[in-house]
């Protein structure tokens, strides 16, 4: 006959085995629920006033690029009641949509089964600025991610050459009010800039390069505020000006000085020009 100690020992072994099995079972359930990823390639983005913007979100199961059905997607905005957009049962569910987003928000419905939960927001307004959160639930996928939308107004400048050889740049829509600088080969040049406000606080930028320009030379014009940098190259020809503009959008953790940016762009342009000449 087993002693009391042996019985207690055997009972403890059985209890340990049972608890271990329960833990494994719970972990297996948790793992199956947390499979897959929900993420944004652009967690911070700048929207252009009166233009459309896409808040990116992709979801993927751990089993690969399979077509996913039975997907539910909910977009919310911090400090705003109701939903921005909700999708489930293979259709939009807009009964609880905040009126701010009525007829302005939509998903790319044809791409949802392929893992695209991005939100298209039309005709961006100042009040759209804020943090948006999207929750995705699908077979083998469950998660939430966020996108911080900041709002500005920005346009590429157009360049004209006056009869006396002065170079003008004009950009009709900028907000917040930007700073403007001109350079050539990394050297800052003298310029004069005027700003004209409209009723919405958006400014028209008009800037003139005070240095006399030369034919076939390239001049750089930088228009920038805290959110957007427009870097333009203007090449003066005998009868006109050819232009090219690049936009750089600031990230919350990235700060680059204007002068450093001008030197970097000038270096890239110089290398490109040298390569084209040698070719």
C-alpha atoms as a PDB file:
ATOM      1  CA  UNK A   1       0.000   0.000   0.000  1.00  0.00           C
ATOM      2  CA  UNK A   2       1.308   3.453  -0.952  1.00  0.00           C
ATOM      3  CA  UNK A   3       2.248   5.734   1.866  1.00  0.00           C
ATOM      4  CA  UNK A   4       0.631   9.120   2.372  1.00  0.00           C
ATOM      5  CA  UNK A   5       3.850  10.781   1.166  1.00  0.00           C
ATOM      6  CA  UNK A   6       3.797   8.783  -2.095  1.00  0.00           C
ATOM      7  CA  UNK A   7       0.148   9.679  -2.675  1.00  0.00           C
ATOM      8  CA  UNK A   8       0.853  13.377  -2.093  1.00  0.00           C
ATOM      9  CA  UNK A   9       3.884  13.217  -4.402  1.00  0.00           C
ATOM     10  CA  UNK A  10       1.897  11.505  -7.173  1.00  0.00           C
ATOM     11  CA  UNK A  11      -0.902  14.046  -6.790  1.00  0.00           C
ATOM     12  CA  UNK A  12       1.573  16.901  -7.117  1.00  0.00           C
ATOM     13  CA  UNK A  13       3.002  15.358 -10.309  1.00  0.00           C
ATOM     14  CA  UNK A  14      -0.479  15.051 -11.802  1.00  0.00           C
ATOM     15  CA  UNK A  15      -1.288  18.642 -10.806  1.00  0.00           C
ATOM     16  CA  UNK A  16       1.944  19.966 -12.341  1.00  0.00           C
ATOM     17  CA  UNK A  17       1.274  18.096 -15.582  1.00  0.00           C
ATOM     18  CA  UNK A  18      -2.304  19.429 -15.700  1.00  0.00           C
ATOM     19  CA  UNK A  19      -1.195  23.032 -15.047  1.00  0.00           C
ATOM     20  CA  UNK A  20       1.552  22.727 -17.677  1.00  0.00           C
ATOM     21  CA  UNK A  21      -0.963  21.484 -20.226  1.00  0.00           C
ATOM     22  CA  UNK A  22      -3.316  24.337 -19.395  1.00  0.00           C
ATOM     23  CA  UNK A  23      -0.525  26.901 -19.808  1.00  0.00           C
ATOM     24  CA  UNK A  24       0.452  25.410 -23.183  1.00  0.00           C
ATOM     25  CA  UNK A  25      -3.188  25.504 -24.282  1.00  0.00           C
ATOM     26  CA  UNK A  26      -3.569  29.162 -23.243  1.00  0.00           C
ATOM     27  CA  UNK A  27      -0.331  30.110 -24.999  1.00  0.00           C
ATOM     28  CA  UNK A  28      -1.448  28.299 -28.152  1.00  0.00           C
ATOM     29  CA  UNK A  29      -4.710  30.260 -28.182  1.00  0.00           C
ATOM     30  CA  UNK A  30      -2.889  33.550 -27.570  1.00  0.00           C
ATOM     31  CA  UNK A  31      -0.414  32.761 -30.342  1.00  0.00           C
ATOM     32  CA  UNK A  32      -3.152  31.907 -32.822  1.00  0.00           C
ATOM     33  CA  UNK A  33      -4.969  35.176 -32.063  1.00  0.00           C
ATOM     34  CA  UNK A  34      -1.817  37.293 -32.356  1.00  0.00           C
ATOM     35  CA  UNK A  35      -0.726  35.794 -35.654  1.00  0.00           C
ATOM     36  CA  UNK A  36      -0.113  38.241 -38.458  1.00  0.00           C
ATOM     37  CA  UNK A  37       0.806  41.901 -38.571  1.00  0.00           C
ATOM     38  CA  UNK A  38      -1.056  45.180 -38.942  1.00  0.00           C
ATOM     39  CA  UNK A  39       1.208  48.119 -39.728  1.00  0.00           C
ATOM     40  CA  UNK A  40       1.649  51.353 -41.666  1.00  0.00           C
ATOM     41  CA  UNK A  41       4.599  52.165 -43.898  1.00  0.00           C
ATOM     42  CA  UNK A  42       3.925  55.881 -43.222  1.00  0.00           C
ATOM     43  CA  UNK A  43       3.031  56.339 -39.531  1.00  0.00           C
ATOM     44  CA  UNK A  44       3.445  60.105 -39.931  1.00  0.00           C
ATOM     45  CA  UNK A  45       2.201  61.851 -43.069  1.00  0.00           C
ATOM     46  CA  UNK A  46       1.550  65.389 -44.317  1.00  0.00           C
ATOM     47  CA  UNK A  47      -1.712  66.091 -46.124  1.00  0.00           C
ATOM     48  CA  UNK A  48      -2.098  68.965 -48.600  1.00  0.00           C
ATOM     49  CA  UNK A  49      -5.158  71.185 -47.964  1.00  0.00           C
ATOM     50  CA  UNK A  50      -7.930  70.623 -50.534  1.00  0.00           C
ATOM     51  CA  UNK A  51      -6.095  67.582 -51.940  1.00  0.00           C
ATOM     52  CA  UNK A  52      -6.581  63.866 -51.263  1.00  0.00           C
ATOM     53  CA  UNK A  53      -4.348  61.865 -48.925  1.00  0.00           C
ATOM     54  CA  UNK A  54      -3.918  58.139 -48.266  1.00  0.00           C
ATOM     55  CA  UNK A  55      -3.403  56.888 -44.701  1.00  0.00           C
ATOM     56  CA  UNK A  56      -1.485  53.678 -45.285  1.00  0.00           C
ATOM     57  CA  UNK A  57      -2.284  50.377 -43.535  1.00  0.00           C
ATOM     58  CA  UNK A  58      -1.349  46.845 -44.547  1.00  0.00           C
ATOM     59  CA  UNK A  59      -2.148  43.558 -42.833  1.00  0.00           C
ATOM     60  CA  UNK A  60      -0.590  40.154 -43.398  1.00  0.00           C
ATOM     61  CA  UNK A  61      -1.066  36.726 -41.867  1.00  0.00           C
ATOM     62  CA  UNK A  62       1.953  34.679 -40.825  1.00  0.00           C
ATOM     63  CA  UNK A  63       1.013  32.023 -43.356  1.00  0.00           C
ATOM     64  CA  UNK A  64       1.905  34.295 -46.271  1.00  0.00           C
ATOM     65  CA  UNK A  65       0.233  36.350 -48.982  1.00  0.00           C
ATOM     66  CA  UNK A  66      -3.034  34.448 -49.033  1.00  0.00           C
ATOM     67  CA  UNK A  67      -6.279  36.111 -50.072  1.00  0.00           C
ATOM     68  CA  UNK A  68      -8.147  37.020 -46.886  1.00  0.00           C
ATOM     69  CA  UNK A  69     -11.920  37.013 -46.554  1.00  0.00           C
ATOM     70  CA  UNK A  70     -14.185  37.886 -43.631  1.00  0.00           C
ATOM     71  CA  UNK A  71     -12.205  41.044 -42.876  1.00  0.00           C
ATOM     72  CA  UNK A  72     -13.355  43.837 -40.566  1.00  0.00           C
ATOM     73  CA  UNK A  73     -11.617  47.230 -40.613  1.00  0.00           C
ATOM     74  CA  UNK A  74     -12.375  50.185 -38.346  1.00  0.00           C
ATOM     75  CA  UNK A  75     -10.741  53.605 -38.654  1.00  0.00           C
ATOM     76  CA  UNK A  76     -11.106  56.013 -35.710  1.00  0.00           C
ATOM     77  CA  UNK A  77      -9.681  59.477 -34.989  1.00  0.00           C
ATOM     78  CA  UNK A  78      -8.492  60.490 -31.545  1.00  0.00           C
ATOM     79  CA  UNK A  79     -10.770  62.975 -29.741  1.00  0.00           C
ATOM     80  CA  UNK A  80     -13.516  62.553 -32.351  1.00  0.00           C
ATOM     81  CA  UNK A  81     -16.749  60.648 -31.656  1.00  0.00           C
ATOM     82  CA  UNK A  82     -18.030  58.017 -34.051  1.00  0.00           C
ATOM     83  CA  UNK A  83     -16.013  56.246 -36.709  1.00  0.00           C
ATOM     84  CA  UNK A  84     -14.063  57.634 -39.631  1.00  0.00           C
ATOM     85  CA  UNK A  85     -14.873  54.533 -41.657  1.00  0.00           C
ATOM     86  CA  UNK A  86     -15.961  50.993 -40.831  1.00  0.00           C
ATOM     87  CA  UNK A  87     -15.984  47.910 -43.033  1.00  0.00           C
ATOM     88  CA  UNK A  88     -17.316  44.467 -42.168  1.00  0.00           C
ATOM     89  CA  UNK A  89     -19.404  41.700 -43.719  1.00  0.00           C
ATOM     90  CA  UNK A  90     -17.836  42.719 -47.056  1.00  0.00           C
ATOM     91  CA  UNK A  91     -19.514  46.146 -47.028  1.00  0.00           C
ATOM     92  CA  UNK A  92     -19.146  49.654 -45.601  1.00  0.00           C
ATOM     93  CA  UNK A  93     -20.913  50.168 -42.273  1.00  0.00           C
ATOM     94  CA  UNK A  94     -21.359  53.924 -41.976  1.00  0.00           C
ATOM     95  CA  UNK A  95     -24.248  54.242 -39.521  1.00  0.00           C
ATOM     96  CA  UNK A  96     -21.860  55.482 -36.823  1.00  0.00           C
ATOM     97  CA  UNK A  97     -19.706  57.645 -39.076  1.00  0.00           C
ATOM     98  CA  UNK A  98     -18.803  61.120 -37.836  1.00  0.00           C
ATOM     99  CA  UNK A  99     -20.324  63.746 -40.147  1.00  0.00           C
ATOM    100  CA  UNK A 100     -16.871  65.312 -40.621  1.00  0.00           C
ATOM    101  CA  UNK A 101     -15.947  62.375 -42.854  1.00  0.00           C
ATOM    102  CA  UNK A 102     -19.232  61.889 -44.723  1.00  0.00           C
ATOM    103  CA  UNK A 103     -18.588  61.325 -48.465  1.00  0.00           C
ATOM    104  CA  UNK A 104     -14.882  61.978 -47.899  1.00  0.00           C
ATOM    105  CA  UNK A 105     -13.495  58.698 -46.542  1.00  0.00           C
ATOM    106  CA  UNK A 106     -13.276  55.334 -48.264  1.00  0.00           C
ATOM    107  CA  UNK A 107     -11.222  52.134 -48.459  1.00  0.00           C
ATOM    108  CA  UNK A 108      -9.762  50.459 -51.532  1.00  0.00           C
ATOM    109  CA  UNK A 109     -12.397  47.719 -51.507  1.00  0.00           C
ATOM    110  CA  UNK A 110     -10.877  45.721 -54.381  1.00  0.00           C
ATOM    111  CA  UNK A 111      -7.589  45.451 -52.499  1.00  0.00           C
ATOM    112  CA  UNK A 112      -8.841  44.531 -49.004  1.00  0.00           C
ATOM    113  CA  UNK A 113      -8.600  40.768 -49.587  1.00  0.00           C
ATOM    114  CA  UNK A 114      -4.946  41.278 -50.544  1.00  0.00           C
ATOM    115  CA  UNK A 115      -4.181  42.950 -47.210  1.00  0.00           C
ATOM    116  CA  UNK A 116      -4.775  46.626 -47.986  1.00  0.00           C
ATOM    117  CA  UNK A 117      -6.656  48.500 -45.234  1.00  0.00           C
ATOM    118  CA  UNK A 118      -5.516  51.991 -46.298  1.00  0.00           C
ATOM    119  CA  UNK A 119      -7.910  54.915 -45.941  1.00  0.00           C
ATOM    120  CA  UNK A 120      -8.404  57.465 -48.733  1.00  0.00           C
ATOM    121  CA  UNK A 121      -9.381  60.843 -47.286  1.00  0.00           C
ATOM    122  CA  UNK A 122     -10.570  63.324 -49.892  1.00  0.00           C
ATOM    123  CA  UNK A 123     -10.335  67.116 -49.873  1.00  0.00           C
ATOM    124  CA  UNK A 124      -8.152  67.422 -46.768  1.00  0.00           C
ATOM    125  CA  UNK A 125      -9.143  70.136 -44.276  1.00  0.00           C
ATOM    126  CA  UNK A 126      -7.319  71.701 -41.335  1.00  0.00           C
ATOM    127  CA  UNK A 127      -9.618  69.926 -38.854  1.00  0.00           C
ATOM    128  CA  UNK A 128      -8.548  66.558 -40.279  1.00  0.00           C
ATOM    129  CA  UNK A 129      -5.183  66.891 -38.539  1.00  0.00           C
ATOM    130  CA  UNK A 130      -4.662  64.350 -35.742  1.00  0.00           C
ATOM    131  CA  UNK A 131      -3.962  60.730 -34.904  1.00  0.00           C
ATOM    132  CA  UNK A 132      -5.947  58.034 -36.700  1.00  0.00           C
ATOM    133  CA  UNK A 133      -6.145  54.453 -35.429  1.00  0.00           C
ATOM    134  CA  UNK A 134      -7.109  51.452 -37.510  1.00  0.00           C
ATOM    135  CA  UNK A 135      -8.071  48.044 -36.171  1.00  0.00           C
ATOM    136  CA  UNK A 136      -8.081  45.013 -38.456  1.00  0.00           C
ATOM    137  CA  UNK A 137      -9.593  41.623 -37.660  1.00  0.00           C
ATOM    138  CA  UNK A 138      -9.373  38.769 -40.148  1.00  0.00           C
ATOM    139  CA  UNK A 139      -8.590  35.040 -40.104  1.00  0.00           C
ATOM    140  CA  UNK A 140      -5.112  34.684 -38.568  1.00  0.00           C
ATOM    141  CA  UNK A 141      -4.752  38.482 -38.280  1.00  0.00           C
ATOM    142  CA  UNK A 142      -5.692  40.841 -35.471  1.00  0.00           C
ATOM    143  CA  UNK A 143      -4.100  44.155 -34.587  1.00  0.00           C
ATOM    144  CA  UNK A 144      -4.139  47.945 -34.417  1.00  0.00           C
ATOM    145  CA  UNK A 145      -1.817  50.616 -35.745  1.00  0.00           C
ATOM    146  CA  UNK A 146      -1.899  54.420 -35.946  1.00  0.00           C
ATOM    147  CA  UNK A 147      -1.142  57.171 -38.451  1.00  0.00           C
ATOM    148  CA  UNK A 148      -0.432  60.774 -37.466  1.00  0.00           C
ATOM    149  CA  UNK A 149      -1.834  63.141 -40.117  1.00  0.00           C
ATOM    150  CA  UNK A 150      -0.461  66.678 -40.174  1.00  0.00           C
ATOM    151  CA  UNK A 151      -1.963  69.261 -42.510  1.00  0.00           C
ATOM    152  CA  UNK A 152      -0.232  71.922 -44.598  1.00  0.00           C
ATOM    153  CA  UNK A 153      -0.604  73.701 -47.935  1.00  0.00           C
ATOM    154  CA  UNK A 154       2.199  73.542 -50.470  1.00  0.00           C
ATOM    155  CA  UNK A 155       2.739  73.996 -54.197  1.00  0.00           C
ATOM    156  CA  UNK A 156       5.750  73.932 -56.490  1.00  0.00           C
ATOM    157  CA  UNK A 157       6.903  77.391 -57.593  1.00  0.00           C
ATOM    158  CA  UNK A 158       6.955  78.542 -61.200  1.00  0.00           C
ATOM    159  CA  UNK A 159       9.902  80.604 -62.458  1.00  0.00           C
ATOM    160  CA  UNK A 160      10.033  83.549 -64.851  1.00  0.00           C
ATOM    161  CA  UNK A 161      12.889  85.686 -66.112  1.00  0.00           C
ATOM    162  CA  UNK A 162      12.381  89.441 -66.312  1.00  0.00           C
ATOM    163  CA  UNK A 163      13.742  91.670 -69.053  1.00  0.00           C
ATOM    164  CA  UNK A 164      16.449  93.025 -66.738  1.00  0.00           C
ATOM    165  CA  UNK A 165      17.736  89.519 -65.940  1.00  0.00           C
ATOM    166  CA  UNK A 166      16.065  88.983 -62.562  1.00  0.00           C
ATOM    167  CA  UNK A 167      14.698  85.517 -61.721  1.00  0.00           C
ATOM    168  CA  UNK A 168      11.235  85.337 -60.107  1.00  0.00           C
ATOM    169  CA  UNK A 169       9.619  82.414 -58.267  1.00  0.00           C
ATOM    170  CA  UNK A 170       5.916  82.276 -57.441  1.00  0.00           C
ATOM    171  CA  UNK A 171       4.056  79.615 -55.420  1.00  0.00           C
ATOM    172  CA  UNK A 172       0.317  80.221 -54.893  1.00  0.00           C
ATOM    173  CA  UNK A 173      -0.440  78.095 -51.798  1.00  0.00           C
ATOM    174  CA  UNK A 174       1.662  77.692 -48.634  1.00  0.00           C
ATOM    175  CA  UNK A 175       0.682  77.102 -45.007  1.00  0.00           C
ATOM    176  CA  UNK A 176       2.121  77.562 -42.442  1.00  0.00           C
ATOM    177  CA  UNK A 177       3.944  80.645 -43.732  1.00  0.00           C
ATOM    178  CA  UNK A 178       7.303  79.466 -45.115  1.00  0.00           C
ATOM    179  CA  UNK A 179      10.819  80.818 -45.334  1.00  0.00           C
ATOM    180  CA  UNK A 180      12.484  81.259 -48.729  1.00  0.00           C
ATOM    181  CA  UNK A 181      16.148  81.153 -49.676  1.00  0.00           C
ATOM    182  CA  UNK A 182      18.142  80.985 -52.907  1.00  0.00           C
ATOM    183  CA  UNK A 183      21.536  79.436 -53.555  1.00  0.00           C
ATOM    184  CA  UNK A 184      23.979  78.459 -56.257  1.00  0.00           C
ATOM    185  CA  UNK A 185      26.608  75.756 -55.786  1.00  0.00           C
ATOM    186  CA  UNK A 186      25.956  75.862 -52.040  1.00  0.00           C
ATOM    187  CA  UNK A 187      26.420  79.632 -51.791  1.00  0.00           C
ATOM    188  CA  UNK A 188      23.456  81.585 -50.417  1.00  0.00           C
ATOM    189  CA  UNK A 189      22.293  84.420 -52.677  1.00  0.00           C
ATOM    190  CA  UNK A 190      20.509  87.697 -51.975  1.00  0.00           C
ATOM    191  CA  UNK A 191      16.755  87.652 -52.534  1.00  0.00           C
ATOM    192  CA  UNK A 192      13.544  89.496 -51.665  1.00  0.00           C
ATOM    193  CA  UNK A 193      10.285  87.702 -50.781  1.00  0.00           C
ATOM    194  CA  UNK A 194       6.699  88.891 -50.372  1.00  0.00           C
ATOM    195  CA  UNK A 195       3.741  87.006 -48.882  1.00  0.00           C
ATOM    196  CA  UNK A 196       0.085  87.648 -49.724  1.00  0.00           C
ATOM    197  CA  UNK A 197      -2.526  86.212 -47.344  1.00  0.00           C
ATOM    198  CA  UNK A 198      -5.933  84.895 -48.335  1.00  0.00           C
ATOM    199  CA  UNK A 199      -8.954  84.493 -46.051  1.00  0.00           C
ATOM    200  CA  UNK A 200      -7.955  80.990 -44.889  1.00  0.00           C
ATOM    201  CA  UNK A 201      -4.469  82.038 -43.791  1.00  0.00           C
ATOM    202  CA  UNK A 202      -2.836  80.401 -46.809  1.00  0.00           C
ATOM    203  CA  UNK A 203      -0.148  82.620 -48.364  1.00  0.00           C
ATOM    204  CA  UNK A 204       0.988  83.262 -51.918  1.00  0.00           C
ATOM    205  CA  UNK A 205       4.787  83.362 -52.115  1.00  0.00           C
ATOM    206  CA  UNK A 206       6.554  85.693 -54.538  1.00  0.00           C
ATOM    207  CA  UNK A 207      10.338  85.818 -54.431  1.00  0.00           C
ATOM    208  CA  UNK A 208      12.945  87.472 -56.636  1.00  0.00           C
ATOM    209  CA  UNK A 209      16.619  86.624 -56.876  1.00  0.00           C
ATOM    210  CA  UNK A 210      18.474  89.915 -56.625  1.00  0.00           C
ATOM    211  CA  UNK A 211      21.686  88.599 -58.189  1.00  0.00           C
ATOM    212  CA  UNK A 212      21.802  88.908 -61.979  1.00  0.00           C
ATOM    213  CA  UNK A 213      21.455  85.447 -63.460  1.00  0.00           C
ATOM    214  CA  UNK A 214      23.531  83.926 -66.251  1.00  0.00           C
ATOM    215  CA  UNK A 215      22.410  81.751 -69.129  1.00  0.00           C
ATOM    216  CA  UNK A 216      22.882  77.975 -68.580  1.00  0.00           C
ATOM    217  CA  UNK A 217      23.445  78.424 -64.845  1.00  0.00           C
ATOM    218  CA  UNK A 218      21.388  76.463 -62.301  1.00  0.00           C
ATOM    219  CA  UNK A 219      19.838  78.236 -59.310  1.00  0.00           C
ATOM    220  CA  UNK A 220      18.239  76.569 -56.289  1.00  0.00           C
ATOM    221  CA  UNK A 221      15.197  77.955 -54.501  1.00  0.00           C
ATOM    222  CA  UNK A 222      14.180  76.497 -51.138  1.00  0.00           C
ATOM    223  CA  UNK A 223      10.684  77.136 -49.756  1.00  0.00           C
ATOM    224  CA  UNK A 224      10.168  75.523 -46.355  1.00  0.00           C
ATOM    225  CA  UNK A 225       8.088  75.458 -43.216  1.00  0.00           C
ATOM    226  CA  UNK A 226       8.054  73.038 -40.296  1.00  0.00           C
ATOM    227  CA  UNK A 227       6.274  70.350 -42.325  1.00  0.00           C
ATOM    228  CA  UNK A 228       7.352  70.634 -45.963  1.00  0.00           C
ATOM    229  CA  UNK A 229      10.444  71.611 -47.942  1.00  0.00           C
ATOM    230  CA  UNK A 230      10.160  72.382 -51.665  1.00  0.00           C
ATOM    231  CA  UNK A 231      13.570  72.296 -53.329  1.00  0.00           C
ATOM    232  CA  UNK A 232      13.498  73.713 -56.836  1.00  0.00           C
ATOM    233  CA  UNK A 233      16.167  73.875 -59.531  1.00  0.00           C
ATOM    234  CA  UNK A 234      15.806  76.609 -62.118  1.00  0.00           C
ATOM    235  CA  UNK A 235      18.005  76.463 -65.219  1.00  0.00           C
ATOM    236  CA  UNK A 236      18.192  79.692 -67.167  1.00  0.00           C
ATOM    237  CA  UNK A 237      18.240  79.432 -70.960  1.00  0.00           C
ATOM    238  CA  UNK A 238      18.407  82.154 -73.581  1.00  0.00           C
ATOM    239  CA  UNK A 239      14.629  82.462 -73.877  1.00  0.00           C
ATOM    240  CA  UNK A 240      13.078  80.736 -70.843  1.00  0.00           C
ATOM    241  CA  UNK A 241      13.581  78.945 -67.536  1.00  0.00           C
ATOM    242  CA  UNK A 242      13.306  75.184 -67.056  1.00  0.00           C
ATOM    243  CA  UNK A 243      12.403  74.019 -63.579  1.00  0.00           C
ATOM    244  CA  UNK A 244      12.268  70.925 -61.401  1.00  0.00           C
ATOM    245  CA  UNK A 245      10.919  70.634 -57.829  1.00  0.00           C
ATOM    246  CA  UNK A 246      11.349  67.991 -55.125  1.00  0.00           C
ATOM    247  CA  UNK A 247       9.228  67.846 -51.975  1.00  0.00           C
ATOM    248  CA  UNK A 248      10.600  66.592 -48.647  1.00  0.00           C
ATOM    249  CA  UNK A 249       8.200  66.007 -45.772  1.00  0.00           C
ATOM    250  CA  UNK A 250       9.524  66.309 -42.255  1.00  0.00           C
ATOM    251  CA  UNK A 251       9.313  63.408 -39.822  1.00  0.00           C
ATOM    252  CA  UNK A 252       8.707  64.143 -36.147  1.00  0.00           C
ATOM    253  CA  UNK A 253      12.178  62.892 -35.195  1.00  0.00           C
ATOM    254  CA  UNK A 254      14.102  64.349 -38.164  1.00  0.00           C
ATOM    255  CA  UNK A 255      15.545  67.843 -38.201  1.00  0.00           C
ATOM    256  CA  UNK A 256      17.805  69.026 -41.026  1.00  0.00           C
ATOM    257  CA  UNK A 257      19.081  72.571 -41.270  1.00  0.00           C
ATOM    258  CA  UNK A 258      18.213  74.549 -44.379  1.00  0.00           C
ATOM    259  CA  UNK A 259      21.854  75.204 -45.213  1.00  0.00           C
ATOM    260  CA  UNK A 260      22.746  71.529 -44.837  1.00  0.00           C
ATOM    261  CA  UNK A 261      19.829  70.624 -47.082  1.00  0.00           C
ATOM    262  CA  UNK A 262      20.915  73.152 -49.699  1.00  0.00           C
ATOM    263  CA  UNK A 263      24.481  71.805 -49.703  1.00  0.00           C
ATOM    264  CA  UNK A 264      23.212  68.206 -50.008  1.00  0.00           C
ATOM    265  CA  UNK A 265      20.895  69.000 -52.912  1.00  0.00           C
ATOM    266  CA  UNK A 266      23.578  71.071 -54.649  1.00  0.00           C
ATOM    267  CA  UNK A 267      26.043  68.207 -54.333  1.00  0.00           C
ATOM    268  CA  UNK A 268      23.541  65.763 -55.825  1.00  0.00           C
ATOM    269  CA  UNK A 269      22.817  68.153 -58.694  1.00  0.00           C
ATOM    270  CA  UNK A 270      26.520  68.689 -59.336  1.00  0.00           C
ATOM    271  CA  UNK A 271      27.187  64.949 -59.488  1.00  0.00           C
ATOM    272  CA  UNK A 272      24.194  64.449 -61.786  1.00  0.00           C
ATOM    273  CA  UNK A 273      25.284  67.276 -64.085  1.00  0.00           C
ATOM    274  CA  UNK A 274      28.852  65.927 -64.208  1.00  0.00           C
ATOM    275  CA  UNK A 275      27.576  62.443 -65.082  1.00  0.00           C
ATOM    276  CA  UNK A 276      25.376  63.816 -67.857  1.00  0.00           C
ATOM    277  CA  UNK A 277      28.224  65.904 -69.263  1.00  0.00           C
ATOM    278  CA  UNK A 278      30.657  62.984 -69.249  1.00  0.00           C
ATOM    279  CA  UNK A 279      27.993  60.781 -70.866  1.00  0.00           C
END
